[in-house]
Amino acid sequence: MDKKSILVFGVGELQKSIIGRAHNMGLFVIGIDPCADAFCKDDVDAFEIVGGQDYEGTLAVAIKYNISAVVTAATDKPLVMMARVAKELNLPFYSVETAQWSTDKFQMKQRFIAGDVPCAKGRLVKSAQETADFVYPVIVKPRDNSGSRGVKLCRTQEELQSCIDEALEYSHLDSVLVEEFIEGQEYSIESLHYNGKTEVIQFTEKKTTEFPYNVELGHKQPANLTEKQRNAVRDVIAKIGDALHFENCPSHTELKINERGIFVIETSPRLGGDYITSTLVPLSTGINIEDQLLNIALGEPVDTKTDRTEKASGVCFFSLPEGTVTAIDEKIKDVSTWPGIVDFNLKLKVGDKVNKITSSLNRYGQFIVKAENREKIDSLIETYERQIADFVKVL
């Protein structure tokens, strides 16, 4: 095989963009997934069905195709497996220990505390009987999941056991993480860690659902932060990189900022989902962070300077009232032609039931916009969200 080959872990919709970027770089792309009808199975050069916990099967595929790199995007599930394969084949990646810390939110918090990373106080519990001393409200979350699955605000001791039970439904472990609730605007920070250094690429400002669930409904870049705040965030991201030993990877870090300072919610040594790194970062910075991850994975030089621009972008996920879709205006077909629209996707049709959004898995579509500056992004999203909502009648 003349081309270098790369193994992509997961061949779902979240990996579609990085598969395309790998092809653009002339790579032979092998995809593995436990699901036989994975969303992007026809987008890769070779597709293999491998169980998520099947190390021997995964390693056999890697050896079969003589891979030069391993990557994924927007998912935490394969990180430990990726680290094990990379270690065995001496590929650029982070350690198995780093992957383990990063996929268990309690271990992650312990590393934060040891590394002087500001974060919410929290501890493991198995039942509400262990929590008589808690100050409410608190956040209850699974230790080993992502995408807001099972994460819920609990306001009283009486609610706590049901919140614990719900979190456990989304976990393979027998305990959940209960932590103090931090007020403040939420952000995510998109970074790269390579050659012993940490580089923040973009600051993302988030919009989320109202509690008790905390599901992301929108992202805007760049975030409205002062340069002083940005420098403080950069320092925190560097501490995170040191505490978790991030190297040869991107990171997607969620944090809040309030009058008391910066508080890290969680991080992961992988690309962010929700179109943040695949679409918003290139639109707002000119840097394709997926390309740079591929360079890191292949041991090639990283370039975050040549194409750098200062523009703006945003994504808005539809938030509709609960009920049943009774009508959709024909004008919705024109949305893709509106000024600034990069992508539009409504996942509803007449007769569909609209349920309460409780995780990123049950949202109903989105639109992505680009503009010269953040002020224009704010205006476009406000206008378009209202107009599109008027097109979809829910009763």
Protein backbone atom coordinates (compact mmCIF):
# COMPACT_ATOMS: atom_id res chain seq x y z
CA MET A 1 0.00 0.00 0.00
CA ASP A 2 1.61 3.29 -1.14
CA LYS A 3 -0.63 5.58 0.88
CA LYS A 4 -0.27 6.07 4.60
CA SER A 5 -3.22 4.52 6.38
CA ILE A 6 -5.14 5.85 9.36
CA LEU A 7 -7.51 4.02 11.68
CA VAL A 8 -10.64 5.96 12.63
CA PHE A 9 -12.38 4.76 15.77
CA GLY A 10 -16.13 5.04 15.31
CA VAL A 11 -17.74 5.46 11.90
CA GLY A 12 -20.81 7.41 12.99
CA GLU A 13 -22.09 10.79 11.89
CA LEU A 14 -19.71 12.54 14.32
CA GLN A 15 -16.71 11.12 12.45
CA LYS A 16 -17.88 12.07 8.94
CA SER A 17 -15.94 15.32 8.78
CA ILE A 18 -12.57 13.96 9.90
CA ILE A 19 -12.93 11.00 7.52
CA GLY A 20 -13.35 13.52 4.71
CA ARG A 21 -10.33 15.54 5.86
CA ALA A 22 -8.22 12.38 5.98
CA HIS A 23 -9.18 11.60 2.38
CA ASN A 24 -8.30 15.18 1.39
CA MET A 25 -4.79 14.53 2.77
CA GLY A 26 -4.47 11.46 0.55
CA LEU A 27 -4.72 8.92 3.38
CA PHE A 28 -6.13 5.42 3.17
CA VAL A 29 -8.91 5.45 5.78
CA ILE A 30 -9.90 2.38 7.76
CA GLY A 31 -12.96 2.69 9.97
CA ILE A 32 -13.97 0.39 12.81
CA ASP A 33 -17.32 0.36 14.56
CA PRO A 34 -19.38 -2.17 16.54
CA CYS A 35 -22.40 -1.33 14.37
CA ALA A 36 -22.69 -3.13 11.02
CA ASP A 37 -24.71 -0.29 9.48
CA ALA A 38 -22.61 2.58 10.88
CA PHE A 39 -23.53 5.96 9.38
CA CYS A 40 -20.22 6.49 7.52
CA LYS A 41 -19.31 2.92 6.64
CA ASP A 42 -19.45 3.77 2.93
CA ASP A 43 -17.22 6.84 3.39
CA VAL A 44 -14.11 4.89 4.43
CA ASP A 45 -11.77 2.88 2.21
CA ALA A 46 -12.08 -0.19 4.46
CA PHE A 47 -14.69 -0.92 7.10
CA GLU A 48 -14.36 -3.51 9.84
CA ILE A 49 -16.93 -4.46 12.48
CA VAL A 50 -15.12 -4.60 15.82
CA GLY A 51 -16.58 -4.54 19.33
CA GLY A 52 -15.77 -1.52 21.44
CA GLN A 53 -13.99 -3.64 24.08
CA ASP A 54 -12.29 -6.04 21.65
CA TYR A 55 -8.61 -5.17 22.01
CA GLU A 56 -7.28 -8.19 20.13
CA GLY A 57 -9.69 -7.58 17.25
CA THR A 58 -8.82 -3.89 17.11
CA LEU A 59 -5.09 -4.58 17.17
CA ALA A 60 -5.48 -7.19 14.44
CA VAL A 61 -7.15 -4.61 12.16
CA ALA A 62 -4.40 -2.09 12.91
CA ILE A 63 -1.70 -4.60 12.02
CA LYS A 64 -3.57 -5.88 8.97
CA TYR A 65 -3.57 -2.42 7.39
CA ASN A 66 -0.17 -1.35 8.72
CA ILE A 67 -1.65 1.86 10.13
CA SER A 68 0.36 5.03 10.65
CA ALA A 69 -2.05 6.78 13.03
CA VAL A 70 -5.21 6.50 15.13
CA VAL A 71 -7.89 9.19 15.43
CA THR A 72 -11.48 9.79 16.41
CA ALA A 73 -13.73 12.82 16.78
CA ALA A 74 -16.33 13.99 19.28
CA THR A 75 -16.55 10.79 21.31
CA ASP A 76 -14.88 9.59 24.51
CA LYS A 77 -15.78 5.92 24.28
CA PRO A 78 -12.78 4.60 22.29
CA LEU A 79 -10.04 6.68 23.95
CA VAL A 80 -8.66 3.94 26.21
CA MET A 81 -8.66 1.42 23.36
CA MET A 82 -6.94 3.92 21.09
CA ALA A 83 -4.25 4.54 23.69
CA ARG A 84 -3.64 0.81 24.11
CA VAL A 85 -3.26 0.26 20.36
CA ALA A 86 -1.06 3.34 19.96
CA LYS A 87 1.20 2.15 22.79
CA GLU A 88 1.54 -1.32 21.26
CA LEU A 89 2.39 0.09 17.81
CA ASN A 90 4.44 3.06 19.05
CA LEU A 91 2.18 5.65 17.40
CA PRO A 92 1.89 9.31 18.46
CA PHE A 93 -0.81 9.44 21.15
CA TYR A 94 -1.21 9.98 24.86
CA SER A 95 -0.80 7.34 27.55
CA VAL A 96 -3.33 4.71 28.59
CA GLU A 97 -3.33 6.36 32.02
CA THR A 98 -4.32 9.71 30.50
CA ALA A 99 -7.14 8.03 28.60
CA GLN A 100 -8.40 6.39 31.80
CA TRP A 101 -8.31 9.65 33.75
CA SER A 102 -10.13 11.41 30.92
CA THR A 103 -12.99 8.93 30.66
CA ASP A 104 -13.82 8.78 34.37
CA LYS A 105 -15.08 12.13 35.61
CA PHE A 106 -14.15 11.35 39.22
CA GLN A 107 -10.57 10.40 38.36
CA MET A 108 -10.45 13.54 36.23
CA LYS A 109 -11.54 15.67 39.18
CA GLN A 110 -8.87 14.08 41.37
CA ARG A 111 -6.24 15.04 38.77
CA PHE A 112 -7.65 18.57 38.63
CA ILE A 113 -7.33 18.96 42.38
CA ALA A 114 -3.80 17.55 42.41
CA GLY A 115 -2.85 19.88 39.56
CA ASP A 116 -4.37 23.03 41.10
CA VAL A 117 -7.01 23.25 38.36
CA PRO A 118 -10.04 25.24 39.63
CA CYS A 119 -13.13 23.03 39.56
CA ALA A 120 -16.41 22.28 41.33
CA LYS A 121 -16.22 20.30 44.56
CA GLY A 122 -17.67 16.82 44.24
CA ARG A 123 -17.64 13.24 45.43
CA LEU A 124 -18.86 9.77 44.52
CA VAL A 125 -22.14 8.45 45.89
CA LYS A 126 -24.18 5.30 45.41
CA SER A 127 -27.38 6.41 47.15
CA ALA A 128 -29.00 9.51 48.63
CA GLN A 129 -28.41 8.12 52.12
CA GLU A 130 -24.74 9.11 51.80
CA THR A 131 -25.47 12.80 51.20
CA ALA A 132 -26.99 14.28 54.35
CA ASP A 133 -24.38 17.06 54.42
CA PHE A 134 -24.89 18.29 50.82
CA VAL A 135 -25.72 21.94 50.12
CA TYR A 136 -28.27 22.21 47.32
CA PRO A 137 -28.57 22.58 44.38
CA VAL A 138 -26.09 19.98 43.13
CA ILE A 139 -25.29 18.45 39.74
CA VAL A 140 -25.60 14.66 39.41
CA LYS A 141 -23.80 13.00 36.50
CA PRO A 142 -22.55 9.60 35.34
CA ARG A 143 -18.80 9.16 35.68
CA ASP A 144 -18.40 7.51 32.30
CA ASN A 145 -20.65 9.15 29.71
CA SER A 146 -20.85 12.32 27.62
CA GLY A 147 -23.29 14.38 25.57
CA SER A 148 -25.20 15.49 28.72
CA ARG A 149 -26.60 11.97 29.08
CA GLY A 150 -27.87 11.45 32.62
CA VAL A 151 -26.68 14.87 33.81
CA LYS A 152 -29.26 16.66 35.94
CA LEU A 153 -29.61 19.51 38.43
CA CYS A 154 -30.97 18.35 41.77
CA ARG A 155 -32.51 21.04 43.97
CA THR A 156 -33.46 19.10 47.10
CA GLN A 157 -32.53 16.02 49.13
CA GLU A 158 -35.92 14.55 48.22
CA GLU A 159 -35.09 14.63 44.49
CA LEU A 160 -31.62 13.20 44.87
CA GLN A 161 -32.27 9.46 44.72
CA SER A 162 -34.26 9.74 41.48
CA CYS A 163 -31.44 11.82 39.97
CA ILE A 164 -28.89 9.21 41.06
CA ASP A 165 -31.00 6.43 39.58
CA GLU A 166 -31.31 8.33 36.27
CA ALA A 167 -27.54 8.91 36.11
CA LEU A 168 -26.86 5.23 36.81
CA GLU A 169 -29.01 4.30 33.80
CA TYR A 170 -26.35 5.97 31.65
CA SER A 171 -23.37 4.40 33.42
CA HIS A 172 -21.53 1.09 33.57
CA LEU A 173 -20.36 1.86 37.12
CA ASP A 174 -22.12 1.58 40.48
CA SER A 175 -21.57 5.17 41.66
CA VAL A 176 -22.20 8.64 40.28
CA LEU A 177 -20.50 11.98 40.68
CA VAL A 178 -22.37 14.60 42.70
CA GLU A 179 -20.84 18.06 42.62
CA GLU A 180 -21.62 21.60 43.65
CA PHE A 181 -23.57 23.70 41.18
CA ILE A 182 -21.50 26.50 39.67
CA GLU A 183 -23.28 29.61 38.44
CA GLY A 184 -22.01 31.48 35.41
CA GLN A 185 -21.76 31.60 31.64
CA GLU A 186 -20.54 28.36 30.11
CA TYR A 187 -17.78 28.11 27.51
CA SER A 188 -15.77 25.44 25.75
CA ILE A 189 -12.12 25.85 24.84
CA GLU A 190 -10.72 24.17 21.73
CA SER A 191 -6.99 23.45 22.06
CA LEU A 192 -4.06 21.44 20.73
CA HIS A 193 -1.31 19.76 22.76
CA TYR A 194 1.87 18.87 20.90
CA ASN A 195 5.65 19.10 21.21
CA GLY A 196 5.26 19.68 24.94
CA LYS A 197 3.13 22.80 24.58
CA THR A 198 -0.53 23.78 24.82
CA GLU A 199 -2.13 26.08 22.24
CA VAL A 200 -5.66 27.42 22.57
CA ILE A 201 -7.21 27.71 19.10
CA GLN A 202 -10.64 29.15 19.89
CA PHE A 203 -13.01 30.18 22.70
CA THR A 204 -16.64 29.04 22.29
CA GLU A 205 -19.62 30.59 24.07
CA LYS A 206 -22.49 28.21 24.86
CA LYS A 207 -26.25 28.39 25.18
CA THR A 208 -27.92 25.56 27.10
CA THR A 209 -31.42 24.40 28.01
CA GLU A 210 -32.96 25.46 31.28
CA PHE A 211 -32.34 23.16 34.22
CA PRO A 212 -32.83 20.49 35.48
CA TYR A 213 -31.19 19.27 32.25
CA ASN A 214 -28.24 21.13 30.79
CA VAL A 215 -28.17 20.35 27.07
CA GLU A 216 -26.31 22.56 24.62
CA LEU A 217 -28.58 24.50 22.27
CA GLY A 218 -26.02 26.73 20.60
CA HIS A 219 -22.39 27.73 20.24
CA LYS A 220 -20.88 31.03 19.11
CA GLN A 221 -17.30 31.86 18.19
CA PRO A 222 -15.44 33.82 19.30
CA ALA A 223 -16.73 34.02 22.86
CA ASN A 224 -17.27 37.49 24.29
CA LEU A 225 -14.29 37.47 26.66
CA THR A 226 -11.79 40.17 27.54
CA GLU A 227 -8.13 39.60 26.75
CA LYS A 228 -7.49 39.33 30.49
CA GLN A 229 -10.08 36.55 30.74
CA ARG A 230 -8.64 34.80 27.69
CA ASN A 231 -5.15 34.80 29.19
CA ALA A 232 -6.52 33.43 32.46
CA VAL A 233 -8.30 30.66 30.54
CA ARG A 234 -5.10 29.87 28.62
CA ASP A 235 -3.30 29.42 31.94
CA VAL A 236 -6.01 27.04 33.16
CA ILE A 237 -5.90 24.98 29.95
CA ALA A 238 -2.11 24.66 30.33
CA LYS A 239 -2.63 23.40 33.89
CA ILE A 240 -5.17 20.88 32.63
CA GLY A 241 -2.70 19.65 30.02
CA ASP A 242 -0.06 19.18 32.71
CA ALA A 243 -2.44 17.54 35.21
CA LEU A 244 -3.77 14.98 32.73
CA HIS A 245 -0.53 14.63 30.72
CA PHE A 246 -2.15 15.69 27.45
CA GLU A 247 0.24 15.20 24.53
CA ASN A 248 -0.27 14.46 20.82
CA CYS A 249 -3.95 15.39 21.04
CA PRO A 250 -6.58 18.09 20.90
CA SER A 251 -8.70 18.94 23.93
CA HIS A 252 -12.25 20.13 24.38
CA THR A 253 -12.68 21.73 27.80
CA GLU A 254 -15.96 22.94 29.28
CA LEU A 255 -15.81 25.62 31.96
CA LYS A 256 -17.79 28.40 33.59
CA ILE A 257 -16.74 31.93 34.47
CA ASN A 258 -18.34 33.99 37.23
CA GLU A 259 -17.35 36.71 39.67
CA ARG A 260 -15.31 34.17 41.68
CA GLY A 261 -13.24 33.14 38.69
CA ILE A 262 -12.90 30.19 36.30
CA PHE A 263 -14.28 26.74 37.16
CA VAL A 264 -13.55 23.76 34.94
CA ILE A 265 -16.51 21.42 34.47
CA GLU A 266 -14.70 18.70 32.51
CA THR A 267 -12.30 18.10 29.67
CA SER A 268 -11.46 15.44 27.10
CA PRO A 269 -8.40 14.84 24.88
CA ARG A 270 -10.46 14.74 21.69
CA LEU A 271 -12.21 17.09 19.30
CA GLY A 272 -15.46 18.75 20.36
CA GLY A 273 -18.77 17.72 18.81
CA ASP A 274 -21.79 19.81 17.84
CA TYR A 275 -19.93 21.06 14.72
CA ILE A 276 -17.61 23.08 16.99
CA THR A 277 -14.29 21.80 15.68
CA SER A 278 -15.41 20.40 12.33
CA THR A 279 -17.17 23.57 11.13
CA LEU A 280 -17.19 26.53 13.53
CA VAL A 281 -13.45 26.67 14.22
CA PRO A 282 -12.44 26.73 10.52
CA LEU A 283 -15.10 29.36 9.80
CA SER A 284 -14.04 31.65 12.65
CA THR A 285 -10.26 31.13 12.68
CA GLY A 286 -9.28 29.82 9.25
CA ILE A 287 -7.62 26.87 11.02
CA ASN A 288 -8.87 23.40 10.28
CA ILE A 289 -8.24 21.79 13.64
CA GLU A 290 -9.08 18.35 12.22
CA ASP A 291 -6.24 18.70 9.72
CA GLN A 292 -3.88 19.65 12.54
CA LEU A 293 -4.99 16.65 14.59
CA LEU A 294 -4.24 14.42 11.61
CA ASN A 295 -0.79 16.02 11.37
CA ILE A 296 -0.20 15.35 15.07
CA ALA A 297 -1.39 11.74 14.73
CA LEU A 298 0.95 11.18 11.77
CA GLY A 299 3.91 12.86 13.45
CA GLU A 300 3.86 15.69 10.91
CA PRO A 301 4.44 19.42 11.62
CA VAL A 302 1.52 21.46 12.95
CA ASP A 303 0.65 24.82 11.37
CA THR A 304 -1.78 27.09 13.22
CA LYS A 305 -0.47 30.39 11.83
CA THR A 306 -0.54 30.40 8.01
CA ASP A 307 -4.30 30.56 7.42
CA ARG A 308 -5.28 32.37 10.65
CA THR A 309 -8.20 34.79 10.32
CA GLU A 310 -10.46 36.59 12.81
CA LYS A 311 -14.09 36.05 11.82
CA ALA A 312 -17.17 34.60 13.53
CA SER A 313 -19.48 31.59 13.36
CA GLY A 314 -22.29 29.94 15.25
CA VAL A 315 -24.62 26.97 15.42
CA CYS A 316 -28.17 27.00 16.74
CA PHE A 317 -30.03 23.79 17.65
CA PHE A 318 -33.79 24.09 17.41
CA SER A 319 -35.73 24.35 20.66
CA LEU A 320 -39.42 23.77 20.05
CA PRO A 321 -42.41 23.36 22.39
CA GLU A 322 -43.44 19.82 23.30
CA GLY A 323 -46.24 18.38 21.21
CA THR A 324 -46.83 17.09 17.68
CA VAL A 325 -45.75 18.74 14.42
CA THR A 326 -48.95 19.70 12.61
CA ALA A 327 -47.56 21.76 9.73
CA ILE A 328 -44.26 22.90 8.19
CA ASP A 329 -44.30 26.00 5.97
CA GLU A 330 -42.97 25.49 2.43
CA LYS A 331 -40.77 28.56 2.95
CA ILE A 332 -38.48 26.42 5.09
CA LYS A 333 -36.98 25.07 1.85
CA ASP A 334 -35.42 28.51 1.26
CA VAL A 335 -33.50 28.65 4.55
CA SER A 336 -30.34 27.21 2.97
CA THR A 337 -30.18 30.24 0.65
CA TRP A 338 -30.40 32.87 3.41
CA PRO A 339 -27.37 35.16 3.87
CA GLY A 340 -24.70 33.64 6.09
CA ILE A 341 -26.26 30.15 6.24
CA VAL A 342 -23.63 27.41 5.92
CA ASP A 343 -25.78 24.41 6.83
CA PHE A 344 -29.42 23.75 7.65
CA ASN A 345 -31.01 20.51 8.80
CA LEU A 346 -34.48 20.02 10.27
CA LYS A 347 -35.00 16.45 11.52
CA LEU A 348 -38.78 16.73 11.81
CA LYS A 349 -41.76 16.08 9.55
CA VAL A 350 -45.50 16.50 9.96
CA GLY A 351 -46.81 14.00 12.51
CA ASP A 352 -43.55 13.72 14.47
CA LYS A 353 -43.71 14.05 18.23
CA VAL A 354 -41.54 16.74 19.83
CA ASN A 355 -40.33 15.67 23.25
CA LYS A 356 -38.43 17.57 25.91
CA ILE A 357 -34.74 17.82 25.08
CA THR A 358 -32.84 15.87 27.75
CA SER A 359 -29.54 15.12 25.95
CA SER A 360 -27.73 15.99 22.74
CA LEU A 361 -29.17 12.81 21.20
CA ASN A 362 -32.77 14.10 21.06
CA ARG A 363 -32.38 17.50 19.47
CA TYR A 364 -34.30 18.28 16.28
CA GLY A 365 -31.78 19.79 13.89
CA GLN A 366 -29.71 22.93 13.52
CA PHE A 367 -28.47 25.74 11.33
CA ILE A 368 -24.91 27.04 11.08
CA VAL A 369 -24.02 30.62 10.19
CA LYS A 370 -20.88 32.60 9.43
CA ALA A 371 -20.19 36.34 9.49
CA GLU A 372 -17.40 38.90 9.69
CA ASN A 373 -17.86 39.51 13.41
CA ARG A 374 -19.56 38.23 16.55
CA GLU A 375 -22.15 41.03 16.62
CA LYS A 376 -23.45 39.94 13.21
CA ILE A 377 -23.58 36.29 14.36
CA ASP A 378 -25.74 37.29 17.33
CA SER A 379 -28.12 39.13 15.01
CA LEU A 380 -28.36 36.33 12.44
CA ILE A 381 -29.02 33.62 15.02
CA GLU A 382 -31.67 35.65 16.83
CA THR A 383 -33.47 36.47 13.58
CA TYR A 384 -33.22 33.07 11.93
CA GLU A 385 -34.14 31.08 15.04
CA ARG A 386 -37.37 33.07 15.36
CA GLN A 387 -38.24 32.81 11.67
CA ILE A 388 -37.59 29.05 11.47
CA ALA A 389 -39.63 28.42 14.63
CA ASP A 390 -42.55 30.23 12.96
CA PHE A 391 -42.34 27.78 10.04
CA VAL A 392 -42.82 24.71 12.27
CA LYS A 393 -46.22 24.43 13.95
CA VAL A 394 -46.34 22.25 17.05
CA LEU A 395 -49.54 21.54 19.00
